[in-house]
Amino acid sequence: MRRTLSALGVAGALLAAAWWCRPVDFRIGADPNARGDITSEYELFFDLGLDGAFADQPDTAVAARAGR
């Protein structure tokens, strides 16, 4: 049986991580200077099964994961 990356991930053989999460990447509304709610984004990603993330503010990512 041939295994795909998604099958390995579902089986728990791989970890999934997001690359470069930054508050400015998650803007709310049309204002280019507005910052988004990165904590809620992290919580959503972790709730969806993300194992980790590379972040500009790792303390924010760690706090969001701990608060789940």
PDB file of N, CA and C in Angstrom:
ATOM      1  N   MET A   1       0.847  -1.176   0.000  1.00  0.00           N
ATOM      2  CA  MET A   1       0.000   0.000   0.000  1.00  0.00           C
ATOM      3  C   MET A   1       0.896   1.245   0.000  1.00  0.00           C
ATOM      4  N   ARG A   2       0.622   2.139  -0.891  1.00  0.00           N
ATOM      5  CA  ARG A   2       1.416   3.365  -0.991  1.00  0.00           C
ATOM      6  C   ARG A   2       0.866   4.430  -0.051  1.00  0.00           C
ATOM      7  N   ARG A   3       1.754   5.035   0.724  1.00  0.00           N
ATOM      8  CA  ARG A   3       1.332   6.070   1.676  1.00  0.00           C
ATOM      9  C   ARG A   3       1.558   7.451   1.091  1.00  0.00           C
ATOM     10  N   THR A   4       0.596   8.322   1.278  1.00  0.00           N
ATOM     11  CA  THR A   4       0.747   9.710   0.856  1.00  0.00           C
ATOM     12  C   THR A   4       1.054  10.562   2.079  1.00  0.00           C
ATOM     13  N   LEU A   5       1.471  11.794   1.851  1.00  0.00           N
ATOM     14  CA  LEU A   5       1.749  12.684   2.981  1.00  0.00           C
ATOM     15  C   LEU A   5       0.518  12.890   3.836  1.00  0.00           C
ATOM     16  N   SER A   6      -0.646  13.066   3.209  1.00  0.00           N
ATOM     17  CA  SER A   6      -1.852  13.280   4.000  1.00  0.00           C
ATOM     18  C   SER A   6      -2.211  12.036   4.806  1.00  0.00           C
ATOM     19  N   ALA A   7      -2.003  10.861   4.246  1.00  0.00           N
ATOM     20  CA  ALA A   7      -2.295   9.631   4.983  1.00  0.00           C
ATOM     21  C   ALA A   7      -1.344   9.482   6.166  1.00  0.00           C
ATOM     22  N   LEU A   8      -0.086   9.819   5.971  1.00  0.00           N
ATOM     23  CA  LEU A   8       0.870   9.760   7.076  1.00  0.00           C
ATOM     24  C   LEU A   8       0.502  10.760   8.161  1.00  0.00           C
ATOM     25  N   GLY A   9       0.060  11.939   7.752  1.00  0.00           N
ATOM     26  CA  GLY A   9      -0.351  12.946   8.728  1.00  0.00           C
ATOM     27  C   GLY A   9      -1.535  12.491   9.541  1.00  0.00           C
ATOM     28  N   VAL A  10      -2.521  11.921   8.886  1.00  0.00           N
ATOM     29  CA  VAL A  10      -3.705  11.423   9.584  1.00  0.00           C
ATOM     30  C   VAL A  10      -3.334  10.295  10.526  1.00  0.00           C
ATOM     31  N   ALA A  11      -2.399   9.472  10.120  1.00  0.00           N
ATOM     32  CA  ALA A  11      -1.973   8.340  10.945  1.00  0.00           C
ATOM     33  C   ALA A  11      -1.114   8.793  12.133  1.00  0.00           C
ATOM     34  N   GLY A  12      -0.737  10.051  12.153  1.00  0.00           N
ATOM     35  CA  GLY A  12       0.080  10.552  13.257  1.00  0.00           C
ATOM     36  C   GLY A  12       1.571  10.373  13.041  1.00  0.00           C
ATOM     37  N   ALA A  13       1.941   9.996  11.826  1.00  0.00           N
ATOM     38  CA  ALA A  13       3.354   9.777  11.548  1.00  0.00           C
ATOM     39  C   ALA A  13       4.089  11.062  11.182  1.00  0.00           C
ATOM     40  N   LEU A  14       3.354  12.123  10.895  1.00  0.00           N
ATOM     41  CA  LEU A  14       3.956  13.412  10.554  1.00  0.00           C
ATOM     42  C   LEU A  14       3.365  14.504  11.440  1.00  0.00           C
ATOM     43  N   LEU A  15       4.160  15.526  11.677  1.00  0.00           N
ATOM     44  CA  LEU A  15       3.673  16.700  12.394  1.00  0.00           C
ATOM     45  C   LEU A  15       3.414  17.806  11.374  1.00  0.00           C
ATOM     46  N   ALA A  16       2.388  18.605  11.601  1.00  0.00           N
ATOM     47  CA  ALA A  16       2.056  19.718  10.706  1.00  0.00           C
ATOM     48  C   ALA A  16       2.381  21.030  11.401  1.00  0.00           C
ATOM     49  N   ALA A  17       3.119  21.890  10.704  1.00  0.00           N
ATOM     50  CA  ALA A  17       3.476  23.197  11.260  1.00  0.00           C
ATOM     51  C   ALA A  17       3.227  24.279  10.218  1.00  0.00           C
ATOM     52  N   ALA A  18       2.800  25.440  10.684  1.00  0.00           N
ATOM     53  CA  ALA A  18       2.612  26.593   9.806  1.00  0.00           C
ATOM     54  C   ALA A  18       3.902  27.393   9.772  1.00  0.00           C
ATOM     55  N   TRP A  19       4.186  27.978   8.647  1.00  0.00           N
ATOM     56  CA  TRP A  19       5.410  28.743   8.503  1.00  0.00           C
ATOM     57  C   TRP A  19       5.115  30.227   8.589  1.00  0.00           C
ATOM     58  N   TRP A  20       5.803  30.921   9.460  1.00  0.00           N
ATOM     59  CA  TRP A  20       5.843  32.364   9.557  1.00  0.00           C
ATOM     60  C   TRP A  20       4.480  33.006   9.792  1.00  0.00           C
ATOM     61  N   CYS A  21       3.965  32.847  10.955  1.00  0.00           N
ATOM     62  CA  CYS A  21       2.716  33.500  11.356  1.00  0.00           C
ATOM     63  C   CYS A  21       3.049  34.870  11.931  1.00  0.00           C
ATOM     64  N   ARG A  22       2.414  35.891  11.407  1.00  0.00           N
ATOM     65  CA  ARG A  22       2.674  37.265  11.837  1.00  0.00           C
ATOM     66  C   ARG A  22       1.348  37.995  12.022  1.00  0.00           C
ATOM     67  N   PRO A  23       1.235  38.868  13.014  1.00  0.00           N
ATOM     68  CA  PRO A  23      -0.006  39.601  13.244  1.00  0.00           C
ATOM     69  C   PRO A  23      -0.451  40.421  12.046  1.00  0.00           C
ATOM     70  N   VAL A  24       0.469  40.956  11.285  1.00  0.00           N
ATOM     71  CA  VAL A  24       0.080  41.782  10.145  1.00  0.00           C
ATOM     72  C   VAL A  24      -0.504  40.953   9.009  1.00  0.00           C
ATOM     73  N   ASP A  25      -0.311  39.647   9.037  1.00  0.00           N
ATOM     74  CA  ASP A  25      -0.865  38.795   7.990  1.00  0.00           C
ATOM     75  C   ASP A  25      -2.342  38.493   8.201  1.00  0.00           C
ATOM     76  N   PHE A  26      -2.874  38.810   9.350  1.00  0.00           N
ATOM     77  CA  PHE A  26      -4.260  38.478   9.666  1.00  0.00           C
ATOM     78  C   PHE A  26      -5.050  39.746   9.956  1.00  0.00           C
ATOM     79  N   ARG A  27      -5.123  40.622   8.968  1.00  0.00           N
ATOM     80  CA  ARG A  27      -5.820  41.895   9.129  1.00  0.00           C
ATOM     81  C   ARG A  27      -7.322  41.681   9.177  1.00  0.00           C
ATOM     82  N   ILE A  28      -7.970  42.595   9.876  1.00  0.00           N
ATOM     83  CA  ILE A  28      -9.428  42.600   9.931  1.00  0.00           C
ATOM     84  C   ILE A  28      -9.898  43.848   9.204  1.00  0.00           C
ATOM     85  N   GLY A  29     -10.730  43.680   8.186  1.00  0.00           N
ATOM     86  CA  GLY A  29     -11.235  44.822   7.448  1.00  0.00           C
ATOM     87  C   GLY A  29     -10.307  45.225   6.310  1.00  0.00           C
ATOM     88  N   ALA A  30     -10.598  46.380   5.733  1.00  0.00           N
ATOM     89  CA  ALA A  30      -9.874  46.836   4.551  1.00  0.00           C
ATOM     90  C   ALA A  30      -8.695  47.750   4.879  1.00  0.00           C
ATOM     91  N   ASP A  31      -8.556  48.169   6.132  1.00  0.00           N
ATOM     92  CA  ASP A  31      -7.484  49.083   6.522  1.00  0.00           C
ATOM     93  C   ASP A  31      -6.144  48.351   6.487  1.00  0.00           C
ATOM     94  N   PRO A  32      -5.226  48.762   5.597  1.00  0.00           N
ATOM     95  CA  PRO A  32      -3.939  48.065   5.501  1.00  0.00           C
ATOM     96  C   PRO A  32      -3.052  48.233   6.733  1.00  0.00           C
ATOM     97  N   ASN A  33      -3.374  49.190   7.599  1.00  0.00           N
ATOM     98  CA  ASN A  33      -2.587  49.405   8.812  1.00  0.00           C
ATOM     99  C   ASN A  33      -3.172  48.696  10.029  1.00  0.00           C
ATOM    100  N   ALA A  34      -4.348  48.107   9.882  1.00  0.00           N
ATOM    101  CA  ALA A  34      -4.993  47.424  11.005  1.00  0.00           C
ATOM    102  C   ALA A  34      -4.320  46.081  11.255  1.00  0.00           C
ATOM    103  N   ARG A  35      -4.183  45.738  12.510  1.00  0.00           N
ATOM    104  CA  ARG A  35      -3.632  44.432  12.865  1.00  0.00           C
ATOM    105  C   ARG A  35      -4.780  43.478  13.148  1.00  0.00           C
ATOM    106  N   GLY A  36      -4.581  42.257  12.794  1.00  0.00           N
ATOM    107  CA  GLY A  36      -5.601  41.255  13.022  1.00  0.00           C
ATOM    108  C   GLY A  36      -5.511  40.649  14.410  1.00  0.00           C
ATOM    109  N   ASP A  37      -6.329  39.663  14.642  1.00  0.00           N
ATOM    110  CA  ASP A  37      -6.385  38.973  15.927  1.00  0.00           C
ATOM    111  C   ASP A  37      -5.594  37.672  15.816  1.00  0.00           C
ATOM    112  N   ILE A  38      -4.280  37.768  15.932  1.00  0.00           N
ATOM    113  CA  ILE A  38      -3.414  36.616  15.736  1.00  0.00           C
ATOM    114  C   ILE A  38      -3.673  35.523  16.773  1.00  0.00           C
ATOM    115  N   THR A  39      -4.059  35.899  17.985  1.00  0.00           N
ATOM    116  CA  THR A  39      -4.325  34.886  19.013  1.00  0.00           C
ATOM    117  C   THR A  39      -5.486  34.001  18.595  1.00  0.00           C
ATOM    118  N   SER A  40      -6.556  34.592  18.082  1.00  0.00           N
ATOM    119  CA  SER A  40      -7.701  33.793  17.614  1.00  0.00           C
ATOM    120  C   SER A  40      -7.312  32.924  16.424  1.00  0.00           C
ATOM    121  N   GLU A  41      -6.453  33.444  15.558  1.00  0.00           N
ATOM    122  CA  GLU A  41      -5.994  32.655  14.421  1.00  0.00           C
ATOM    123  C   GLU A  41      -5.202  31.443  14.895  1.00  0.00           C
ATOM    124  N   TYR A  42      -4.272  31.657  15.836  1.00  0.00           N
ATOM    125  CA  TYR A  42      -3.515  30.526  16.390  1.00  0.00           C
ATOM    126  C   TYR A  42      -4.445  29.504  17.022  1.00  0.00           C
ATOM    127  N   GLU A  43      -5.402  29.964  17.813  1.00  0.00           N
ATOM    128  CA  GLU A  43      -6.339  29.038  18.463  1.00  0.00           C
ATOM    129  C   GLU A  43      -7.084  28.215  17.429  1.00  0.00           C
ATOM    130  N   LEU A  44      -7.525  28.857  16.345  1.00  0.00           N
ATOM    131  CA  LEU A  44      -8.216  28.132  15.280  1.00  0.00           C
ATOM    132  C   LEU A  44      -7.294  27.089  14.653  1.00  0.00           C
ATOM    133  N   PHE A  45      -6.070  27.493  14.319  1.00  0.00           N
ATOM    134  CA  PHE A  45      -5.129  26.550  13.709  1.00  0.00           C
ATOM    135  C   PHE A  45      -4.863  25.354  14.615  1.00  0.00           C
ATOM    136  N   PHE A  46      -4.634  25.612  15.901  1.00  0.00           N
ATOM    137  CA  PHE A  46      -4.363  24.513  16.825  1.00  0.00           C
ATOM    138  C   PHE A  46      -5.597  23.631  17.005  1.00  0.00           C
ATOM    139  N   ASP A  47      -6.779  24.230  17.040  1.00  0.00           N
ATOM    140  CA  ASP A  47      -8.011  23.442  17.144  1.00  0.00           C
ATOM    141  C   ASP A  47      -8.225  22.568  15.913  1.00  0.00           C
ATOM    142  N   LEU A  48      -7.736  23.019  14.774  1.00  0.00           N
ATOM    143  CA  LEU A  48      -7.858  22.240  13.538  1.00  0.00           C
ATOM    144  C   LEU A  48      -6.806  21.135  13.436  1.00  0.00           C
ATOM    145  N   GLY A  49      -5.895  21.082  14.404  1.00  0.00           N
ATOM    146  CA  GLY A  49      -4.921  20.000  14.432  1.00  0.00           C
ATOM    147  C   GLY A  49      -3.491  20.384  14.107  1.00  0.00           C
ATOM    148  N   LEU A  50      -3.215  21.670  13.937  1.00  0.00           N
ATOM    149  CA  LEU A  50      -1.844  22.093  13.682  1.00  0.00           C
ATOM    150  C   LEU A  50      -0.985  21.762  14.898  1.00  0.00           C
ATOM    151  N   ASP A  51       0.191  21.211  14.659  1.00  0.00           N
ATOM    152  CA  ASP A  51       1.073  20.812  15.756  1.00  0.00           C
ATOM    153  C   ASP A  51       1.978  21.938  16.241  1.00  0.00           C
ATOM    154  N   GLY A  52       2.297  22.878  15.375  1.00  0.00           N
ATOM    155  CA  GLY A  52       3.193  23.961  15.764  1.00  0.00           C
ATOM    156  C   GLY A  52       3.206  25.053  14.721  1.00  0.00           C
ATOM    157  N   ALA A  53       3.940  26.133  15.012  1.00  0.00           N
ATOM    158  CA  ALA A  53       4.035  27.252  14.083  1.00  0.00           C
ATOM    159  C   ALA A  53       5.353  27.977  14.281  1.00  0.00           C
ATOM    160  N   PHE A  54       5.886  28.505  13.210  1.00  0.00           N
ATOM    161  CA  PHE A  54       7.040  29.386  13.272  1.00  0.00           C
ATOM    162  C   PHE A  54       6.472  30.796  13.338  1.00  0.00           C
ATOM    163  N   ALA A  55       6.822  31.553  14.362  1.00  0.00           N
ATOM    164  CA  ALA A  55       6.164  32.832  14.591  1.00  0.00           C
ATOM    165  C   ALA A  55       7.159  33.949  14.882  1.00  0.00           C
ATOM    166  N   ASP A  56       6.787  35.169  14.473  1.00  0.00           N
ATOM    167  CA  ASP A  56       7.590  36.339  14.817  1.00  0.00           C
ATOM    168  C   ASP A  56       7.523  36.625  16.313  1.00  0.00           C
ATOM    169  N   GLN A  57       6.378  36.371  16.917  1.00  0.00           N
ATOM    170  CA  GLN A  57       6.197  36.544  18.364  1.00  0.00           C
ATOM    171  C   GLN A  57       5.845  35.182  18.966  1.00  0.00           C
ATOM    172  N   PRO A  58       6.849  34.346  19.249  1.00  0.00           N
ATOM    173  CA  PRO A  58       6.571  33.002  19.742  1.00  0.00           C
ATOM    174  C   PRO A  58       5.816  32.984  21.063  1.00  0.00           C
ATOM    175  N   ASP A  59       5.975  34.030  21.882  1.00  0.00           N
ATOM    176  CA  ASP A  59       5.240  34.062  23.149  1.00  0.00           C
ATOM    177  C   ASP A  59       3.738  34.093  22.919  1.00  0.00           C
ATOM    178  N   THR A  60       3.293  34.769  21.854  1.00  0.00           N
ATOM    179  CA  THR A  60       1.873  34.823  21.521  1.00  0.00           C
ATOM    180  C   THR A  60       1.378  33.451  21.090  1.00  0.00           C
ATOM    181  N   ALA A  61       2.153  32.759  20.277  1.00  0.00           N
ATOM    182  CA  ALA A  61       1.776  31.418  19.820  1.00  0.00           C
ATOM    183  C   ALA A  61       1.709  30.443  20.992  1.00  0.00           C
ATOM    184  N   VAL A  62       2.701  30.500  21.872  1.00  0.00           N
ATOM    185  CA  VAL A  62       2.725  29.605  23.035  1.00  0.00           C
ATOM    186  C   VAL A  62       1.532  29.879  23.957  1.00  0.00           C
ATOM    187  N   ALA A  63       1.223  31.143  24.173  1.00  0.00           N
ATOM    188  CA  ALA A  63       0.087  31.506  25.028  1.00  0.00           C
ATOM    189  C   ALA A  63      -1.224  31.026  24.408  1.00  0.00           C
ATOM    190  N   ALA A  64      -1.369  31.168  23.108  1.00  0.00           N
ATOM    191  CA  ALA A  64      -2.599  30.715  22.445  1.00  0.00           C
ATOM    192  C   ALA A  64      -2.743  29.196  22.540  1.00  0.00           C
ATOM    193  N   ARG A  65      -1.647  28.495  22.381  1.00  0.00           N
ATOM    194  CA  ARG A  65      -1.705  27.023  22.472  1.00  0.00           C
ATOM    195  C   ARG A  65      -2.009  26.583  23.888  1.00  0.00           C
ATOM    196  N   ALA A  66      -1.428  27.253  24.867  1.00  0.00           N
ATOM    197  CA  ALA A  66      -1.665  26.898  26.278  1.00  0.00           C
ATOM    198  C   ALA A  66      -3.098  27.208  26.702  1.00  0.00           C
ATOM    199  N   GLY A  67      -3.703  28.206  26.072  1.00  0.00           N
ATOM    200  CA  GLY A  67      -5.059  28.609  26.445  1.00  0.00           C
ATOM    201  C   GLY A  67      -6.159  27.793  25.814  1.00  0.00           C
ATOM    202  N   ARG A  68      -5.817  26.815  25.003  1.00  0.00           N
ATOM    203  CA  ARG A  68      -6.834  26.000  24.315  1.00  0.00           C
ATOM    204  C   ARG A  68      -7.555  25.107  25.277  1.00  0.00           C
TER     205      ARG A  68
END
